[in-house]
């Protein structure tokens, strides 16, 4: 299950990075949790955005997308309760 709002934001940020890119080499970082996945891509050189920064951004996006959202339903279709722990 992916949270489209967070991923849309991340892809928009990646698009901005791509639009301002100086090189032709595309670099991608991916991250997965038990309930979400994220992919961040840039064409900026490693001197501008390090591989570690790219990976950290993908990890942060996947972690953010894994958190329950207000109004979200559980896997069995019931509303989230306040005592439901966030997905890890």
PDB file of N, CA and C in Angstrom:
ATOM      1  N   UNK A   1       0.848  -1.167   0.000  1.00  0.00           N
ATOM      2  CA  UNK A   1       0.000   0.000   0.000  1.00  0.00           C
ATOM      3  C   UNK A   1       0.892   1.227   0.000  1.00  0.00           C
ATOM      4  N   UNK A   2       0.651   2.145  -0.873  1.00  0.00           N
ATOM      5  CA  UNK A   2       1.462   3.352  -0.930  1.00  0.00           C
ATOM      6  C   UNK A   2       0.617   4.562  -0.576  1.00  0.00           C
ATOM      7  N   UNK A   3       1.188   5.491   0.075  1.00  0.00           N
ATOM      8  CA  UNK A   3       0.519   6.747   0.385  1.00  0.00           C
ATOM      9  C   UNK A   3       0.867   7.728  -0.734  1.00  0.00           C
ATOM     10  N   UNK A   4      -0.083   7.985  -1.605  1.00  0.00           N
ATOM     11  CA  UNK A   4       0.191   8.768  -2.804  1.00  0.00           C
ATOM     12  C   UNK A   4       0.555  10.214  -2.511  1.00  0.00           C
ATOM     13  N   UNK A   5       0.042  10.797  -1.432  1.00  0.00           N
ATOM     14  CA  UNK A   5       0.355  12.202  -1.168  1.00  0.00           C
ATOM     15  C   UNK A   5       1.843  12.391  -0.908  1.00  0.00           C
ATOM     16  N   UNK A   6       2.404  11.548  -0.061  1.00  0.00           N
ATOM     17  CA  UNK A   6       3.818  11.672   0.263  1.00  0.00           C
ATOM     18  C   UNK A   6       4.662  11.359  -0.961  1.00  0.00           C
ATOM     19  N   UNK A   7       4.317  10.310  -1.667  1.00  0.00           N
ATOM     20  CA  UNK A   7       5.100   9.944  -2.835  1.00  0.00           C
ATOM     21  C   UNK A   7       4.990  10.990  -3.929  1.00  0.00           C
ATOM     22  N   UNK A   8       3.824  11.621  -4.078  1.00  0.00           N
ATOM     23  CA  UNK A   8       3.679  12.691  -5.059  1.00  0.00           C
ATOM     24  C   UNK A   8       4.629  13.822  -4.717  1.00  0.00           C
ATOM     25  N   UNK A   9       4.733  14.160  -3.445  1.00  0.00           N
ATOM     26  CA  UNK A   9       5.649  15.214  -3.013  1.00  0.00           C
ATOM     27  C   UNK A   9       7.090  14.837  -3.327  1.00  0.00           C
ATOM     28  N   UNK A  10       7.445  13.598  -3.048  1.00  0.00           N
ATOM     29  CA  UNK A  10       8.816  13.147  -3.299  1.00  0.00           C
ATOM     30  C   UNK A  10       9.126  13.152  -4.793  1.00  0.00           C
ATOM     31  N   UNK A  11       8.180  12.655  -5.607  1.00  0.00           N
ATOM     32  CA  UNK A  11       8.407  12.651  -7.042  1.00  0.00           C
ATOM     33  C   UNK A  11       8.489  14.067  -7.594  1.00  0.00           C
ATOM     34  N   UNK A  12       7.711  14.994  -7.023  1.00  0.00           N
ATOM     35  CA  UNK A  12       7.797  16.391  -7.447  1.00  0.00           C
ATOM     36  C   UNK A  12       9.178  16.951  -7.117  1.00  0.00           C
ATOM     37  N   UNK A  13       9.683  16.617  -5.931  1.00  0.00           N
ATOM     38  CA  UNK A  13      11.020  17.070  -5.554  1.00  0.00           C
ATOM     39  C   UNK A  13      12.071  16.464  -6.475  1.00  0.00           C
ATOM     40  N   UNK A  14      11.911  15.201  -6.815  1.00  0.00           N
ATOM     41  CA  UNK A  14      12.842  14.553  -7.734  1.00  0.00           C
ATOM     42  C   UNK A  14      12.767  15.187  -9.113  1.00  0.00           C
ATOM     43  N   UNK A  15      11.567  15.574  -9.532  1.00  0.00           N
ATOM     44  CA  UNK A  15      11.410  16.232 -10.833  1.00  0.00           C
ATOM     45  C   UNK A  15      12.128  17.569 -10.844  1.00  0.00           C
ATOM     46  N   UNK A  16      12.047  18.301  -9.750  1.00  0.00           N
ATOM     47  CA  UNK A  16      12.760  19.576  -9.659  1.00  0.00           C
ATOM     48  C   UNK A  16      14.253  19.343  -9.760  1.00  0.00           C
ATOM     49  N   UNK A  17      14.747  18.322  -9.054  1.00  0.00           N
ATOM     50  CA  UNK A  17      16.169  17.993  -9.132  1.00  0.00           C
ATOM     51  C   UNK A  17      16.562  17.618 -10.559  1.00  0.00           C
ATOM     52  N   UNK A  18      15.713  16.866 -11.215  1.00  0.00           N
ATOM     53  CA  UNK A  18      15.993  16.439 -12.585  1.00  0.00           C
ATOM     54  C   UNK A  18      16.008  17.630 -13.531  1.00  0.00           C
ATOM     55  N   UNK A  19      15.065  18.545 -13.361  1.00  0.00           N
ATOM     56  CA  UNK A  19      15.002  19.711 -14.233  1.00  0.00           C
ATOM     57  C   UNK A  19      16.233  20.596 -14.087  1.00  0.00           C
ATOM     58  N   UNK A  20      16.831  20.630 -12.909  1.00  0.00           N
ATOM     59  CA  UNK A  20      17.992  21.474 -12.705  1.00  0.00           C
ATOM     60  C   UNK A  20      19.301  20.693 -12.858  1.00  0.00           C
ATOM     61  N   UNK A  21      19.234  19.510 -13.395  1.00  0.00           N
ATOM     62  CA  UNK A  21      20.401  18.631 -13.498  1.00  0.00           C
ATOM     63  C   UNK A  21      21.423  19.157 -14.498  1.00  0.00           C
ATOM     64  N   UNK A  22      22.678  18.858 -14.194  1.00  0.00           N
ATOM     65  CA  UNK A  22      23.769  19.283 -15.065  1.00  0.00           C
ATOM     66  C   UNK A  22      24.339  18.129 -15.888  1.00  0.00           C
ATOM     67  N   UNK A  23      24.163  16.894 -15.428  1.00  0.00           N
ATOM     68  CA  UNK A  23      24.773  15.757 -16.100  1.00  0.00           C
ATOM     69  C   UNK A  23      23.748  14.869 -16.769  1.00  0.00           C
ATOM     70  N   UNK A  24      24.248  13.849 -17.468  1.00  0.00           N
ATOM     71  CA  UNK A  24      23.378  12.912 -18.168  1.00  0.00           C
ATOM     72  C   UNK A  24      23.169  11.618 -17.390  1.00  0.00           C
ATOM     73  N   UNK A  25      23.874  11.437 -16.297  1.00  0.00           N
ATOM     74  CA  UNK A  25      23.784  10.180 -15.547  1.00  0.00           C
ATOM     75  C   UNK A  25      22.644  10.230 -14.545  1.00  0.00           C
ATOM     76  N   UNK A  26      21.670   9.352 -14.729  1.00  0.00           N
ATOM     77  CA  UNK A  26      20.547   9.282 -13.807  1.00  0.00           C
ATOM     78  C   UNK A  26      20.899   8.339 -12.670  1.00  0.00           C
ATOM     79  N   UNK A  27      20.636   8.779 -11.455  1.00  0.00           N
ATOM     80  CA  UNK A  27      20.879   7.950 -10.276  1.00  0.00           C
ATOM     81  C   UNK A  27      19.565   7.772  -9.544  1.00  0.00           C
ATOM     82  N   UNK A  28      19.354   6.573  -8.999  1.00  0.00           N
ATOM     83  CA  UNK A  28      18.099   6.251  -8.333  1.00  0.00           C
ATOM     84  C   UNK A  28      18.389   5.580  -7.002  1.00  0.00           C
ATOM     85  N   UNK A  29      17.566   5.919  -6.011  1.00  0.00           N
ATOM     86  CA  UNK A  29      17.619   5.232  -4.709  1.00  0.00           C
ATOM     87  C   UNK A  29      16.213   4.743  -4.419  1.00  0.00           C
ATOM     88  N   UNK A  30      16.111   3.525  -3.898  1.00  0.00           N
ATOM     89  CA  UNK A  30      14.820   2.926  -3.559  1.00  0.00           C
ATOM     90  C   UNK A  30      14.831   2.502  -2.100  1.00  0.00           C
ATOM     91  N   UNK A  31      13.663   2.569  -1.484  1.00  0.00           N
ATOM     92  CA  UNK A  31      13.518   2.113  -0.103  1.00  0.00           C
ATOM     93  C   UNK A  31      12.156   1.455   0.045  1.00  0.00           C
ATOM     94  N   UNK A  32      12.091   0.405   0.862  1.00  0.00           N
ATOM     95  CA  UNK A  32      10.848  -0.323   1.106  1.00  0.00           C
ATOM     96  C   UNK A  32      10.635  -0.497   2.601  1.00  0.00           C
ATOM     97  N   UNK A  33       9.366  -0.421   3.001  1.00  0.00           N
ATOM     98  CA  UNK A  33       8.964  -0.834   4.340  1.00  0.00           C
ATOM     99  C   UNK A  33       7.938  -1.941   4.125  1.00  0.00           C
ATOM    100  N   UNK A  34       7.342  -2.413   5.186  1.00  0.00           N
ATOM    101  CA  UNK A  34       6.358  -3.486   5.041  1.00  0.00           C
ATOM    102  C   UNK A  34       5.083  -2.998   4.346  1.00  0.00           C
ATOM    103  N   UNK A  35       4.846  -1.688   4.311  1.00  0.00           N
ATOM    104  CA  UNK A  35       3.602  -1.177   3.721  1.00  0.00           C
ATOM    105  C   UNK A  35       3.812  -0.113   2.649  1.00  0.00           C
ATOM    106  N   UNK A  36       5.027   0.312   2.392  1.00  0.00           N
ATOM    107  CA  UNK A  36       5.249   1.378   1.414  1.00  0.00           C
ATOM    108  C   UNK A  36       6.594   1.201   0.725  1.00  0.00           C
ATOM    109  N   UNK A  37       6.693   1.797  -0.437  1.00  0.00           N
ATOM    110  CA  UNK A  37       7.973   1.833  -1.132  1.00  0.00           C
ATOM    111  C   UNK A  37       8.131   3.215  -1.744  1.00  0.00           C
ATOM    112  N   UNK A  38       9.378   3.631  -1.901  1.00  0.00           N
ATOM    113  CA  UNK A  38       9.656   4.943  -2.475  1.00  0.00           C
ATOM    114  C   UNK A  38      10.848   4.826  -3.407  1.00  0.00           C
ATOM    115  N   UNK A  39      10.830   5.635  -4.440  1.00  0.00           N
ATOM    116  CA  UNK A  39      11.934   5.705  -5.383  1.00  0.00           C
ATOM    117  C   UNK A  39      12.234   7.173  -5.641  1.00  0.00           C
ATOM    118  N   UNK A  40      13.492   7.545  -5.528  1.00  0.00           N
ATOM    119  CA  UNK A  40      13.927   8.913  -5.775  1.00  0.00           C
ATOM    120  C   UNK A  40      14.986   8.864  -6.865  1.00  0.00           C
ATOM    121  N   UNK A  41      14.829   9.717  -7.868  1.00  0.00           N
ATOM    122  CA  UNK A  41      15.737   9.735  -9.010  1.00  0.00           C
ATOM    123  C   UNK A  41      16.260  11.147  -9.226  1.00  0.00           C
ATOM    124  N   UNK A  42      17.523  11.260  -9.588  1.00  0.00           N
ATOM    125  CA  UNK A  42      18.095  12.555  -9.940  1.00  0.00           C
ATOM    126  C   UNK A  42      19.133  12.375 -11.039  1.00  0.00           C
ATOM    127  N   UNK A  43      19.370  13.428 -11.765  1.00  0.00           N
ATOM    128  CA  UNK A  43      20.450  13.460 -12.747  1.00  0.00           C
ATOM    129  C   UNK A  43      21.564  14.390 -12.282  1.00  0.00           C
ATOM    130  N   UNK A  44      21.390  14.970 -11.094  1.00  0.00           N
ATOM    131  CA  UNK A  44      22.422  15.857 -10.567  1.00  0.00           C
ATOM    132  C   UNK A  44      23.666  15.041 -10.241  1.00  0.00           C
ATOM    133  N   UNK A  45      24.835  15.647 -10.402  1.00  0.00           N
ATOM    134  CA  UNK A  45      26.075  14.917 -10.109  1.00  0.00           C
ATOM    135  C   UNK A  45      26.193  14.608  -8.622  1.00  0.00           C
ATOM    136  N   UNK A  46      26.988  13.589  -8.314  1.00  0.00           N
ATOM    137  CA  UNK A  46      27.147  13.179  -6.926  1.00  0.00           C
ATOM    138  C   UNK A  46      27.736  14.293  -6.071  1.00  0.00           C
ATOM    139  N   UNK A  47      28.477  15.199  -6.679  1.00  0.00           N
ATOM    140  CA  UNK A  47      29.025  16.332  -5.940  1.00  0.00           C
ATOM    141  C   UNK A  47      27.938  17.258  -5.411  1.00  0.00           C
ATOM    142  N   UNK A  48      26.794  17.291  -6.075  1.00  0.00           N
ATOM    143  CA  UNK A  48      25.682  18.146  -5.647  1.00  0.00           C
ATOM    144  C   UNK A  48      24.741  17.399  -4.704  1.00  0.00           C
ATOM    145  N   UNK A  49      24.439  16.144  -5.016  1.00  0.00           N
ATOM    146  CA  UNK A  49      23.571  15.288  -4.199  1.00  0.00           C
ATOM    147  C   UNK A  49      24.299  13.952  -4.054  1.00  0.00           C
ATOM    148  N   UNK A  50      24.765  13.669  -2.851  1.00  0.00           N
ATOM    149  CA  UNK A  50      25.524  12.424  -2.652  1.00  0.00           C
ATOM    150  C   UNK A  50      24.588  11.218  -2.698  1.00  0.00           C
ATOM    151  N   UNK A  51      25.169  10.058  -2.935  1.00  0.00           N
ATOM    152  CA  UNK A  51      24.380   8.824  -2.917  1.00  0.00           C
ATOM    153  C   UNK A  51      23.732   8.629  -1.550  1.00  0.00           C
ATOM    154  N   UNK A  52      24.455   9.005  -0.487  1.00  0.00           N
ATOM    155  CA  UNK A  52      23.907   8.875   0.870  1.00  0.00           C
ATOM    156  C   UNK A  52      22.689   9.783   1.047  1.00  0.00           C
ATOM    157  N   UNK A  53      22.738  11.004   0.505  1.00  0.00           N
ATOM    158  CA  UNK A  53      21.593  11.911   0.589  1.00  0.00           C
ATOM    159  C   UNK A  53      20.410  11.356  -0.199  1.00  0.00           C
ATOM    160  N   UNK A  54      20.687  10.798  -1.357  1.00  0.00           N
ATOM    161  CA  UNK A  54      19.643  10.221  -2.200  1.00  0.00           C
ATOM    162  C   UNK A  54      18.981   9.046  -1.473  1.00  0.00           C
ATOM    163  N   UNK A  55      19.793   8.171  -0.876  1.00  0.00           N
ATOM    164  CA  UNK A  55      19.262   7.038  -0.125  1.00  0.00           C
ATOM    165  C   UNK A  55      18.475   7.497   1.102  1.00  0.00           C
ATOM    166  N   UNK A  56      18.982   8.513   1.802  1.00  0.00           N
ATOM    167  CA  UNK A  56      18.292   9.028   2.982  1.00  0.00           C
ATOM    168  C   UNK A  56      16.930   9.606   2.603  1.00  0.00           C
ATOM    169  N   UNK A  57      16.857  10.270   1.466  1.00  0.00           N
ATOM    170  CA  UNK A  57      15.589  10.832   1.003  1.00  0.00           C
ATOM    171  C   UNK A  57      14.586   9.723   0.691  1.00  0.00           C
ATOM    172  N   UNK A  58      15.042   8.659   0.034  1.00  0.00           N
ATOM    173  CA  UNK A  58      14.159   7.526  -0.263  1.00  0.00           C
ATOM    174  C   UNK A  58      13.702   6.843   1.024  1.00  0.00           C
ATOM    175  N   UNK A  59      14.615   6.652   1.972  1.00  0.00           N
ATOM    176  CA  UNK A  59      14.254   6.028   3.256  1.00  0.00           C
ATOM    177  C   UNK A  59      13.233   6.870   4.013  1.00  0.00           C
ATOM    178  N   UNK A  60      13.453   8.191   4.023  1.00  0.00           N
ATOM    179  CA  UNK A  60      12.531   9.095   4.713  1.00  0.00           C
ATOM    180  C   UNK A  60      11.159   9.071   4.052  1.00  0.00           C
ATOM    181  N   UNK A  61      11.122   9.043   2.722  1.00  0.00           N
ATOM    182  CA  UNK A  61       9.843   9.014   2.002  1.00  0.00           C
ATOM    183  C   UNK A  61       9.075   7.725   2.296  1.00  0.00           C
ATOM    184  N   UNK A  62       9.766   6.595   2.288  1.00  0.00           N
ATOM    185  CA  UNK A  62       9.103   5.324   2.581  1.00  0.00           C
ATOM    186  C   UNK A  62       8.605   5.289   4.020  1.00  0.00           C
ATOM    187  N   UNK A  63       9.410   5.802   4.953  1.00  0.00           N
ATOM    188  CA  UNK A  63       8.998   5.828   6.364  1.00  0.00           C
ATOM    189  C   UNK A  63       7.781   6.735   6.550  1.00  0.00           C
ATOM    190  N   UNK A  64       7.806   7.908   5.919  1.00  0.00           N
ATOM    191  CA  UNK A  64       6.661   8.826   6.017  1.00  0.00           C
ATOM    192  C   UNK A  64       5.405   8.212   5.418  1.00  0.00           C
ATOM    193  N   UNK A  65       5.559   7.533   4.300  1.00  0.00           N
ATOM    194  CA  UNK A  65       4.409   6.912   3.642  1.00  0.00           C
ATOM    195  C   UNK A  65       3.870   5.732   4.452  1.00  0.00           C
ATOM    196  N   UNK A  66       4.671   5.179   5.349  1.00  0.00           N
ATOM    197  CA  UNK A  66       4.249   4.037   6.168  1.00  0.00           C
ATOM    198  C   UNK A  66       3.398   4.450   7.357  1.00  0.00           C
ATOM    199  N   UNK A  67       3.425   5.719   7.704  1.00  0.00           N
ATOM    200  CA  UNK A  67       2.690   6.179   8.876  1.00  0.00           C
ATOM    201  C   UNK A  67       1.196   6.274   8.567  1.00  0.00           C
ATOM    202  N   UNK A  68       0.354   5.906   9.532  1.00  0.00           N
ATOM    203  CA  UNK A  68      -1.088   6.001   9.324  1.00  0.00           C
ATOM    204  C   UNK A  68      -1.496   7.454   9.083  1.00  0.00           C
ATOM    205  N   UNK A  69      -2.400   7.648   8.155  1.00  0.00           N
ATOM    206  CA  UNK A  69      -2.911   8.977   7.836  1.00  0.00           C
ATOM    207  C   UNK A  69      -4.296   9.142   8.430  1.00  0.00           C
ATOM    208  N   UNK A  70      -4.641  10.354   8.828  1.00  0.00           N
ATOM    209  CA  UNK A  70      -5.956  10.626   9.374  1.00  0.00           C
ATOM    210  C   UNK A  70      -7.012  10.216   8.355  1.00  0.00           C
ATOM    211  N   UNK A  71      -7.993   9.461   8.805  1.00  0.00           N
ATOM    212  CA  UNK A  71      -9.053   8.994   7.919  1.00  0.00           C
ATOM    213  C   UNK A  71      -8.730   7.707   7.183  1.00  0.00           C
ATOM    214  N   UNK A  72      -7.512   7.182   7.371  1.00  0.00           N
ATOM    215  CA  UNK A  72      -7.126   5.947   6.691  1.00  0.00           C
ATOM    216  C   UNK A  72      -7.833   4.757   7.327  1.00  0.00           C
ATOM    217  N   UNK A  73      -8.018   3.721   6.533  1.00  0.00           N
ATOM    218  CA  UNK A  73      -8.649   2.494   7.015  1.00  0.00           C
ATOM    219  C   UNK A  73      -7.591   1.434   7.273  1.00  0.00           C
ATOM    220  N   UNK A  74      -7.903   0.515   8.170  1.00  0.00           N
ATOM    221  CA  UNK A  74      -7.016  -0.608   8.412  1.00  0.00           C
ATOM    222  C   UNK A  74      -7.173  -1.591   7.250  1.00  0.00           C
ATOM    223  N   UNK A  75      -6.362  -2.631   7.234  1.00  0.00           N
ATOM    224  CA  UNK A  75      -6.419  -3.608   6.150  1.00  0.00           C
ATOM    225  C   UNK A  75      -7.744  -4.345   6.090  1.00  0.00           C
ATOM    226  N   UNK A  76      -8.490  -4.377   7.224  1.00  0.00           N
ATOM    227  CA  UNK A  76      -9.804  -5.033   7.201  1.00  0.00           C
ATOM    228  C   UNK A  76     -10.946  -4.026   7.011  1.00  0.00           C
ATOM    229  N   UNK A  77     -10.616  -2.778   6.625  1.00  0.00           N
ATOM    230  CA  UNK A  77     -11.636  -1.801   6.269  1.00  0.00           C
ATOM    231  C   UNK A  77     -12.196  -0.978   7.406  1.00  0.00           C
ATOM    232  N   UNK A  78     -11.635  -1.125   8.604  1.00  0.00           N
ATOM    233  CA  UNK A  78     -12.123  -0.341   9.742  1.00  0.00           C
ATOM    234  C   UNK A  78     -11.296   0.940   9.879  1.00  0.00           C
ATOM    235  N   UNK A  79     -11.887   1.990  10.457  1.00  0.00           N
ATOM    236  CA  UNK A  79     -11.134   3.230  10.674  1.00  0.00           C
ATOM    237  C   UNK A  79      -9.966   3.001  11.628  1.00  0.00           C
ATOM    238  N   UNK A  80      -8.879   3.738  11.401  1.00  0.00           N
ATOM    239  CA  UNK A  80      -7.723   3.669  12.310  1.00  0.00           C
ATOM    240  C   UNK A  80      -8.149   4.151  13.682  1.00  0.00           C
ATOM    241  N   UNK A  81      -7.701   3.490  14.732  1.00  0.00           N
ATOM    242  CA  UNK A  81      -7.965   3.984  16.078  1.00  0.00           C
ATOM    243  C   UNK A  81      -6.689   4.657  16.587  1.00  0.00           C
ATOM    244  N   UNK A  82      -6.828   5.519  17.562  1.00  0.00           N
ATOM    245  CA  UNK A  82      -5.682   6.257  18.076  1.00  0.00           C
ATOM    246  C   UNK A  82      -4.672   5.348  18.767  1.00  0.00           C
ATOM    247  N   UNK A  83      -5.081   4.145  19.177  1.00  0.00           N
ATOM    248  CA  UNK A  83      -4.140   3.244  19.837  1.00  0.00           C
ATOM    249  C   UNK A  83      -3.466   2.280  18.861  1.00  0.00           C
ATOM    250  N   UNK A  84      -3.740   2.426  17.558  1.00  0.00           N
ATOM    251  CA  UNK A  84      -3.093   1.588  16.554  1.00  0.00           C
ATOM    252  C   UNK A  84      -1.652   2.076  16.366  1.00  0.00           C
ATOM    253  N   UNK A  85      -0.666   1.223  16.617  1.00  0.00           N
ATOM    254  CA  UNK A  85       0.727   1.678  16.463  1.00  0.00           C
ATOM    255  C   UNK A  85       1.057   1.886  14.977  1.00  0.00           C
ATOM    256  N   UNK A  86       1.963   2.821  14.692  1.00  0.00           N
ATOM    257  CA  UNK A  86       2.352   3.049  13.297  1.00  0.00           C
ATOM    258  C   UNK A  86       3.077   1.828  12.723  1.00  0.00           C
ATOM    259  N   UNK A  87       2.989   1.660  11.438  1.00  0.00           N
ATOM    260  CA  UNK A  87       3.672   0.544  10.760  1.00  0.00           C
ATOM    261  C   UNK A  87       5.172   0.762  10.847  1.00  0.00           C
ATOM    262  N   UNK A  88       5.904  -0.318  10.944  1.00  0.00           N
ATOM    263  CA  UNK A  88       7.364  -0.221  11.025  1.00  0.00           C
ATOM    264  C   UNK A  88       7.973  -0.645   9.717  1.00  0.00           C
TER     265      UNK A  88
END
